[in-house]
Amino acid sequence: MRLPCEMCNNYTRQEVGHRVFIGCDDENKKKEGFHEDTFFYHHTCDNLNVREECKICSHNKGRYCNSVVAFVDGKCIDRTEK
């Protein structure tokens, strides 16, 4: 699944048992623009703060990274410059 969070400077990743929670810290969630859907466990954010390295990457497709293997533990391993 592609998440806009992976391209964001506020990215956080937390593992609890076999579940992995990806999002941003609580302070950024309080800002206007964060929309959580607890039924499907999805969220969207209008305050995406794109990482500098993602801005010049050819995988950047607006709000999402088009590479399905790019991010491992919050770090991009598949960066290609435009």
PDB file of N, CA and C in Angstrom:
ATOM      1  N   MET A   1       0.844  -1.176   0.000  1.00  0.00           N
ATOM      2  CA  MET A   1       0.000   0.000   0.000  1.00  0.00           C
ATOM      3  C   MET A   1       0.890   1.240   0.000  1.00  0.00           C
ATOM      4  N   ARG A   2       0.552   2.203  -0.803  1.00  0.00           N
ATOM      5  CA  ARG A   2       1.308   3.452  -0.855  1.00  0.00           C
ATOM      6  C   ARG A   2       0.717   4.455   0.122  1.00  0.00           C
ATOM      7  N   LEU A   3       1.563   5.065   0.891  1.00  0.00           N
ATOM      8  CA  LEU A   3       1.125   6.058   1.862  1.00  0.00           C
ATOM      9  C   LEU A   3       1.839   7.378   1.617  1.00  0.00           C
ATOM     10  N   PRO A   4       1.109   8.485   1.650  1.00  0.00           N
ATOM     11  CA  PRO A   4       1.785   9.773   1.504  1.00  0.00           C
ATOM     12  C   PRO A   4       2.745  10.040   2.653  1.00  0.00           C
ATOM     13  N   CYS A   5       2.528   9.399   3.789  1.00  0.00           N
ATOM     14  CA  CYS A   5       3.389   9.615   4.961  1.00  0.00           C
ATOM     15  C   CYS A   5       4.844   9.298   4.673  1.00  0.00           C
ATOM     16  N   GLU A   6       5.098   8.329   3.817  1.00  0.00           N
ATOM     17  CA  GLU A   6       6.471   7.921   3.557  1.00  0.00           C
ATOM     18  C   GLU A   6       7.303   9.055   2.971  1.00  0.00           C
ATOM     19  N   MET A   7       6.671   9.956   2.232  1.00  0.00           N
ATOM     20  CA  MET A   7       7.377  11.070   1.615  1.00  0.00           C
ATOM     21  C   MET A   7       7.440  12.299   2.518  1.00  0.00           C
ATOM     22  N   CYS A   8       6.875  12.218   3.700  1.00  0.00           N
ATOM     23  CA  CYS A   8       6.743  13.383   4.572  1.00  0.00           C
ATOM     24  C   CYS A   8       7.876  13.454   5.603  1.00  0.00           C
ATOM     25  N   ASN A   9       8.307  14.672   5.915  1.00  0.00           N
ATOM     26  CA  ASN A   9       9.327  14.879   6.947  1.00  0.00           C
ATOM     27  C   ASN A   9       8.838  14.480   8.331  1.00  0.00           C
ATOM     28  N   ASN A  10       7.528  14.395   8.529  1.00  0.00           N
ATOM     29  CA  ASN A  10       6.966  14.061   9.840  1.00  0.00           C
ATOM     30  C   ASN A  10       6.690  12.570   9.996  1.00  0.00           C
ATOM     31  N   TYR A  11       7.227  11.754   9.106  1.00  0.00           N
ATOM     32  CA  TYR A  11       7.007  10.307   9.076  1.00  0.00           C
ATOM     33  C   TYR A  11       7.427   9.638  10.389  1.00  0.00           C
ATOM     34  N   THR A  12       6.566   8.791  10.916  1.00  0.00           N
ATOM     35  CA  THR A  12       6.922   7.942  12.056  1.00  0.00           C
ATOM     36  C   THR A  12       6.455   6.527  11.759  1.00  0.00           C
ATOM     37  N   ARG A  13       7.163   5.567  12.323  1.00  0.00           N
ATOM     38  CA  ARG A  13       6.836   4.148  12.141  1.00  0.00           C
ATOM     39  C   ARG A  13       6.983   3.473  13.487  1.00  0.00           C
ATOM     40  N   GLN A  14       5.943   2.778  13.912  1.00  0.00           N
ATOM     41  CA  GLN A  14       5.967   2.111  15.210  1.00  0.00           C
ATOM     42  C   GLN A  14       5.488   0.675  15.040  1.00  0.00           C
ATOM     43  N   GLU A  15       6.265  -0.261  15.569  1.00  0.00           N
ATOM     44  CA  GLU A  15       5.889  -1.668  15.514  1.00  0.00           C
ATOM     45  C   GLU A  15       5.400  -2.104  16.887  1.00  0.00           C
ATOM     46  N   VAL A  16       4.209  -2.676  16.916  1.00  0.00           N
ATOM     47  CA  VAL A  16       3.631  -3.217  18.147  1.00  0.00           C
ATOM     48  C   VAL A  16       3.231  -4.650  17.842  1.00  0.00           C
ATOM     49  N   GLY A  17       4.045  -5.586  18.308  1.00  0.00           N
ATOM     50  CA  GLY A  17       3.795  -6.984  17.970  1.00  0.00           C
ATOM     51  C   GLY A  17       3.975  -7.191  16.481  1.00  0.00           C
ATOM     52  N   HIS A  18       2.967  -7.753  15.836  1.00  0.00           N
ATOM     53  CA  HIS A  18       3.027  -7.980  14.392  1.00  0.00           C
ATOM     54  C   HIS A  18       2.426  -6.838  13.584  1.00  0.00           C
ATOM     55  N   ARG A  19       1.892  -5.818  14.262  1.00  0.00           N
ATOM     56  CA  ARG A  19       1.282  -4.678  13.559  1.00  0.00           C
ATOM     57  C   ARG A  19       2.276  -3.534  13.419  1.00  0.00           C
ATOM     58  N   VAL A  20       2.184  -2.825  12.309  1.00  0.00           N
ATOM     59  CA  VAL A  20       3.031  -1.672  12.048  1.00  0.00           C
ATOM     60  C   VAL A  20       2.125  -0.462  11.854  1.00  0.00           C
ATOM     61  N   PHE A  21       2.390   0.599  12.619  1.00  0.00           N
ATOM     62  CA  PHE A  21       1.613   1.824  12.532  1.00  0.00           C
ATOM     63  C   PHE A  21       2.480   2.900  11.893  1.00  0.00           C
ATOM     64  N   ILE A  22       2.004   3.452  10.781  1.00  0.00           N
ATOM     65  CA  ILE A  22       2.724   4.496  10.065  1.00  0.00           C
ATOM     66  C   ILE A  22       1.880   5.764  10.084  1.00  0.00           C
ATOM     67  N   GLY A  23       2.506   6.874  10.380  1.00  0.00           N
ATOM     68  CA  GLY A  23       1.781   8.139  10.437  1.00  0.00           C
ATOM     69  C   GLY A  23       2.713   9.257  10.828  1.00  0.00           C
ATOM     70  N   CYS A  24       2.213  10.220  11.565  1.00  0.00           N
ATOM     71  CA  CYS A  24       3.049  11.309  12.053  1.00  0.00           C
ATOM     72  C   CYS A  24       2.839  11.456  13.553  1.00  0.00           C
ATOM     73  N   ASP A  25       3.638  12.313  14.176  1.00  0.00           N
ATOM     74  CA  ASP A  25       3.519  12.468  15.613  1.00  0.00           C
ATOM     75  C   ASP A  25       2.205  13.162  15.981  1.00  0.00           C
ATOM     76  N   ASP A  26       1.827  13.053  17.227  1.00  0.00           N
ATOM     77  CA  ASP A  26       0.526  13.565  17.676  1.00  0.00           C
ATOM     78  C   ASP A  26       0.375  15.065  17.473  1.00  0.00           C
ATOM     79  N   GLU A  27       1.469  15.805  17.597  1.00  0.00           N
ATOM     80  CA  GLU A  27       1.404  17.260  17.427  1.00  0.00           C
ATOM     81  C   GLU A  27       0.978  17.615  16.007  1.00  0.00           C
ATOM     82  N   ASN A  28       1.512  16.906  15.012  1.00  0.00           N
ATOM     83  CA  ASN A  28       1.156  17.173  13.616  1.00  0.00           C
ATOM     84  C   ASN A  28      -0.240  16.678  13.293  1.00  0.00           C
ATOM     85  N   LYS A  29      -0.711  15.639  13.971  1.00  0.00           N
ATOM     86  CA  LYS A  29      -2.070  15.143  13.742  1.00  0.00           C
ATOM     87  C   LYS A  29      -3.117  16.160  14.182  1.00  0.00           C
ATOM     88  N   LYS A  30      -2.770  16.995  15.148  1.00  0.00           N
ATOM     89  CA  LYS A  30      -3.714  17.984  15.659  1.00  0.00           C
ATOM     90  C   LYS A  30      -3.931  19.138  14.682  1.00  0.00           C
ATOM     91  N   LYS A  31      -2.984  19.314  13.750  1.00  0.00           N
ATOM     92  CA  LYS A  31      -3.105  20.412  12.790  1.00  0.00           C
ATOM     93  C   LYS A  31      -4.294  20.169  11.867  1.00  0.00           C
ATOM     94  N   GLU A  32      -4.877  21.246  11.421  1.00  0.00           N
ATOM     95  CA  GLU A  32      -5.992  21.155  10.484  1.00  0.00           C
ATOM     96  C   GLU A  32      -5.499  20.522   9.182  1.00  0.00           C
ATOM     97  N   GLY A  33      -6.234  19.585   8.672  1.00  0.00           N
ATOM     98  CA  GLY A  33      -5.848  18.931   7.431  1.00  0.00           C
ATOM     99  C   GLY A  33      -5.639  17.441   7.565  1.00  0.00           C
ATOM    100  N   PHE A  34      -5.549  16.932   8.814  1.00  0.00           N
ATOM    101  CA  PHE A  34      -5.399  15.495   9.029  1.00  0.00           C
ATOM    102  C   PHE A  34      -6.781  14.872   9.132  1.00  0.00           C
ATOM    103  N   HIS A  35      -7.064  13.889   8.279  1.00  0.00           N
ATOM    104  CA  HIS A  35      -8.373  13.242   8.254  1.00  0.00           C
ATOM    105  C   HIS A  35      -8.190  11.752   8.485  1.00  0.00           C
ATOM    106  N   GLU A  36      -8.725  11.257   9.578  1.00  0.00           N
ATOM    107  CA  GLU A  36      -8.560   9.852   9.925  1.00  0.00           C
ATOM    108  C   GLU A  36      -9.847   9.087   9.659  1.00  0.00           C
ATOM    109  N   ASP A  37      -9.700   7.927   9.050  1.00  0.00           N
ATOM    110  CA  ASP A  37     -10.816   7.036   8.783  1.00  0.00           C
ATOM    111  C   ASP A  37     -10.577   5.769   9.594  1.00  0.00           C
ATOM    112  N   THR A  38     -11.179   5.681  10.761  1.00  0.00           N
ATOM    113  CA  THR A  38     -10.905   4.551  11.648  1.00  0.00           C
ATOM    114  C   THR A  38     -11.604   3.273  11.205  1.00  0.00           C
ATOM    115  N   PHE A  39     -12.582   3.372  10.326  1.00  0.00           N
ATOM    116  CA  PHE A  39     -13.266   2.171   9.852  1.00  0.00           C
ATOM    117  C   PHE A  39     -12.356   1.348   8.937  1.00  0.00           C
ATOM    118  N   PHE A  40     -11.691   2.018   7.992  1.00  0.00           N
ATOM    119  CA  PHE A  40     -10.796   1.333   7.064  1.00  0.00           C
ATOM    120  C   PHE A  40      -9.323   1.459   7.462  1.00  0.00           C
ATOM    121  N   TYR A  41      -9.023   2.142   8.573  1.00  0.00           N
ATOM    122  CA  TYR A  41      -7.662   2.365   9.058  1.00  0.00           C
ATOM    123  C   TYR A  41      -6.797   3.111   8.033  1.00  0.00           C
ATOM    124  N   HIS A  42      -7.408   4.052   7.335  1.00  0.00           N
ATOM    125  CA  HIS A  42      -6.698   4.897   6.385  1.00  0.00           C
ATOM    126  C   HIS A  42      -6.746   6.332   6.887  1.00  0.00           C
ATOM    127  N   HIS A  43      -5.846   7.147   6.398  1.00  0.00           N
ATOM    128  CA  HIS A  43      -5.942   8.577   6.673  1.00  0.00           C
ATOM    129  C   HIS A  43      -5.366   9.355   5.513  1.00  0.00           C
ATOM    130  N   THR A  44      -5.765  10.597   5.447  1.00  0.00           N
ATOM    131  CA  THR A  44      -5.214  11.523   4.462  1.00  0.00           C
ATOM    132  C   THR A  44      -4.767  12.768   5.205  1.00  0.00           C
ATOM    133  N   CYS A  45      -3.889  13.520   4.577  1.00  0.00           N
ATOM    134  CA  CYS A  45      -3.363  14.718   5.230  1.00  0.00           C
ATOM    135  C   CYS A  45      -3.155  15.804   4.184  1.00  0.00           C
ATOM    136  N   ASP A  46      -3.722  16.973   4.439  1.00  0.00           N
ATOM    137  CA  ASP A  46      -3.551  18.110   3.548  1.00  0.00           C
ATOM    138  C   ASP A  46      -2.261  18.878   3.851  1.00  0.00           C
ATOM    139  N   ASN A  47      -1.573  18.507   4.935  1.00  0.00           N
ATOM    140  CA  ASN A  47      -0.366  19.217   5.364  1.00  0.00           C
ATOM    141  C   ASN A  47       0.899  18.418   5.078  1.00  0.00           C
ATOM    142  N   LEU A  48       0.917  17.693   3.989  1.00  0.00           N
ATOM    143  CA  LEU A  48       2.074  16.879   3.646  1.00  0.00           C
ATOM    144  C   LEU A  48       3.314  17.764   3.483  1.00  0.00           C
ATOM    145  N   ASN A  49       4.358  17.454   4.224  1.00  0.00           N
ATOM    146  CA  ASN A  49       5.616  18.194   4.210  1.00  0.00           C
ATOM    147  C   ASN A  49       6.652  17.305   3.511  1.00  0.00           C
ATOM    148  N   VAL A  50       6.708  17.380   2.180  1.00  0.00           N
ATOM    149  CA  VAL A  50       7.505  16.451   1.376  1.00  0.00           C
ATOM    150  C   VAL A  50       8.997  16.605   1.651  1.00  0.00           C
ATOM    151  N   ARG A  51       9.681  15.475   1.813  1.00  0.00           N
ATOM    152  CA  ARG A  51      11.133  15.456   2.018  1.00  0.00           C
ATOM    153  C   ARG A  51      11.827  16.039   0.797  1.00  0.00           C
ATOM    154  N   GLU A  52      12.968  16.694   1.028  1.00  0.00           N
ATOM    155  CA  GLU A  52      13.724  17.305  -0.068  1.00  0.00           C
ATOM    156  C   GLU A  52      14.138  16.262  -1.093  1.00  0.00           C
ATOM    157  N   GLU A  53      14.585  15.097  -0.642  1.00  0.00           N
ATOM    158  CA  GLU A  53      15.031  14.063  -1.580  1.00  0.00           C
ATOM    159  C   GLU A  53      13.883  13.540  -2.439  1.00  0.00           C
ATOM    160  N   CYS A  54      12.665  13.584  -1.917  1.00  0.00           N
ATOM    161  CA  CYS A  54      11.500  13.117  -2.670  1.00  0.00           C
ATOM    162  C   CYS A  54      11.076  14.132  -3.738  1.00  0.00           C
ATOM    163  N   LYS A  55      11.356  15.406  -3.497  1.00  0.00           N
ATOM    164  CA  LYS A  55      10.959  16.444  -4.453  1.00  0.00           C
ATOM    165  C   LYS A  55      11.672  16.291  -5.786  1.00  0.00           C
ATOM    166  N   ILE A  56      12.900  15.741  -5.771  1.00  0.00           N
ATOM    167  CA  ILE A  56      13.670  15.613  -7.007  1.00  0.00           C
ATOM    168  C   ILE A  56      13.735  14.166  -7.500  1.00  0.00           C
ATOM    169  N   CYS A  57      12.891  13.307  -6.956  1.00  0.00           N
ATOM    170  CA  CYS A  57      12.908  11.898  -7.326  1.00  0.00           C
ATOM    171  C   CYS A  57      11.894  11.616  -8.437  1.00  0.00           C
ATOM    172  N   SER A  58      12.271  10.774  -9.372  1.00  0.00           N
ATOM    173  CA  SER A  58      11.368  10.467 -10.488  1.00  0.00           C
ATOM    174  C   SER A  58      10.185   9.605 -10.061  1.00  0.00           C
ATOM    175  N   HIS A  59      10.254   9.005  -8.891  1.00  0.00           N
ATOM    176  CA  HIS A  59       9.132   8.209  -8.386  1.00  0.00           C
ATOM    177  C   HIS A  59       8.030   9.083  -7.775  1.00  0.00           C
ATOM    178  N   ASN A  60       8.314  10.354  -7.546  1.00  0.00           N
ATOM    179  CA  ASN A  60       7.357  11.271  -6.933  1.00  0.00           C
ATOM    180  C   ASN A  60       6.204  11.521  -7.901  1.00  0.00           C
ATOM    181  N   LYS A  61       5.011  11.130  -7.480  1.00  0.00           N
ATOM    182  CA  LYS A  61       3.800  11.343  -8.282  1.00  0.00           C
ATOM    183  C   LYS A  61       2.826  12.218  -7.504  1.00  0.00           C
ATOM    184  N   GLY A  62       3.262  13.411  -7.165  1.00  0.00           N
ATOM    185  CA  GLY A  62       2.407  14.343  -6.427  1.00  0.00           C
ATOM    186  C   GLY A  62       2.409  14.050  -4.945  1.00  0.00           C
ATOM    187  N   ARG A  63       1.404  13.358  -4.470  1.00  0.00           N
ATOM    188  CA  ARG A  63       1.297  13.058  -3.042  1.00  0.00           C
ATOM    189  C   ARG A  63       1.768  11.646  -2.693  1.00  0.00           C
ATOM    190  N   TYR A  64       2.192  10.883  -3.695  1.00  0.00           N
ATOM    191  CA  TYR A  64       2.569   9.493  -3.450  1.00  0.00           C
ATOM    192  C   TYR A  64       3.883   9.144  -4.132  1.00  0.00           C
ATOM    193  N   CYS A  65       4.578   8.187  -3.559  1.00  0.00           N
ATOM    194  CA  CYS A  65       5.766   7.626  -4.183  1.00  0.00           C
ATOM    195  C   CYS A  65       5.307   6.476  -5.067  1.00  0.00           C
ATOM    196  N   ASN A  66       5.729   6.472  -6.320  1.00  0.00           N
ATOM    197  CA  ASN A  66       5.280   5.467  -7.274  1.00  0.00           C
ATOM    198  C   ASN A  66       6.092   4.173  -7.194  1.00  0.00           C
ATOM    199  N   SER A  67       7.116   4.130  -6.356  1.00  0.00           N
ATOM    200  CA  SER A  67       7.923   2.918  -6.199  1.00  0.00           C
ATOM    201  C   SER A  67       7.356   2.093  -5.051  1.00  0.00           C
ATOM    202  N   VAL A  68       7.102   0.829  -5.299  1.00  0.00           N
ATOM    203  CA  VAL A  68       6.538  -0.024  -4.243  1.00  0.00           C
ATOM    204  C   VAL A  68       7.624  -0.582  -3.327  1.00  0.00           C
ATOM    205  N   VAL A  69       8.888  -0.390  -3.675  1.00  0.00           N
ATOM    206  CA  VAL A  69       9.978  -0.901  -2.849  1.00  0.00           C
ATOM    207  C   VAL A  69      10.864   0.207  -2.294  1.00  0.00           C
ATOM    208  N   ALA A  70      10.470   1.442  -2.453  1.00  0.00           N
ATOM    209  CA  ALA A  70      11.355   2.557  -2.115  1.00  0.00           C
ATOM    210  C   ALA A  70      11.713   2.620  -0.631  1.00  0.00           C
ATOM    211  N   PHE A  71      10.749   2.507   0.259  1.00  0.00           N
ATOM    212  CA  PHE A  71      11.006   2.808   1.666  1.00  0.00           C
ATOM    213  C   PHE A  71      11.158   1.554   2.517  1.00  0.00           C
ATOM    214  N   VAL A  72      12.282   1.505   3.234  1.00  0.00           N
ATOM    215  CA  VAL A  72      12.545   0.442   4.192  1.00  0.00           C
ATOM    216  C   VAL A  72      12.920   1.127   5.500  1.00  0.00           C
ATOM    217  N   ASP A  73      12.128   0.892   6.541  1.00  0.00           N
ATOM    218  CA  ASP A  73      12.344   1.508   7.854  1.00  0.00           C
ATOM    219  C   ASP A  73      12.446   3.026   7.767  1.00  0.00           C
ATOM    220  N   GLY A  74      11.628   3.625   6.898  1.00  0.00           N
ATOM    221  CA  GLY A  74      11.578   5.078   6.797  1.00  0.00           C
ATOM    222  C   GLY A  74      12.651   5.704   5.940  1.00  0.00           C
ATOM    223  N   LYS A  75      13.514   4.896   5.328  1.00  0.00           N
ATOM    224  CA  LYS A  75      14.572   5.424   4.485  1.00  0.00           C
ATOM    225  C   LYS A  75      14.370   4.947   3.053  1.00  0.00           C
ATOM    226  N   CYS A  76      14.609   5.819   2.097  1.00  0.00           N
ATOM    227  CA  CYS A  76      14.420   5.475   0.689  1.00  0.00           C
ATOM    228  C   CYS A  76      15.624   4.686   0.192  1.00  0.00           C
ATOM    229  N   ILE A  77      15.362   3.518  -0.391  1.00  0.00           N
ATOM    230  CA  ILE A  77      16.430   2.691  -0.944  1.00  0.00           C
ATOM    231  C   ILE A  77      16.343   2.627  -2.474  1.00  0.00           C
ATOM    232  N   ASP A  78      15.390   3.354  -3.041  1.00  0.00           N
ATOM    233  CA  ASP A  78      15.144   3.257  -4.482  1.00  0.00           C
ATOM    234  C   ASP A  78      15.011   4.631  -5.114  1.00  0.00           C
ATOM    235  N   ARG A  79      15.826   5.589  -4.674  1.00  0.00           N
ATOM    236  CA  ARG A  79      15.710   6.967  -5.141  1.00  0.00           C
ATOM    237  C   ARG A  79      16.331   7.133  -6.523  1.00  0.00           C
ATOM    238  N   THR A  80      15.601   7.764  -7.406  1.00  0.00           N
ATOM    239  CA  THR A  80      16.130   8.092  -8.731  1.00  0.00           C
ATOM    240  C   THR A  80      15.846   9.558  -9.007  1.00  0.00           C
ATOM    241  N   GLU A  81      16.850  10.283  -9.431  1.00  0.00           N
ATOM    242  CA  GLU A  81      16.676  11.713  -9.696  1.00  0.00           C
ATOM    243  C   GLU A  81      16.008  11.928 -11.031  1.00  0.00           C
ATOM    244  N   LYS A  82      15.233  12.993 -11.111  1.00  0.00           N
ATOM    245  CA  LYS A  82      14.494  13.335 -12.343  1.00  0.00           C
ATOM    246  C   LYS A  82      15.452  13.765 -13.419  1.00  0.00           C
TER     247      LYS A  82
END
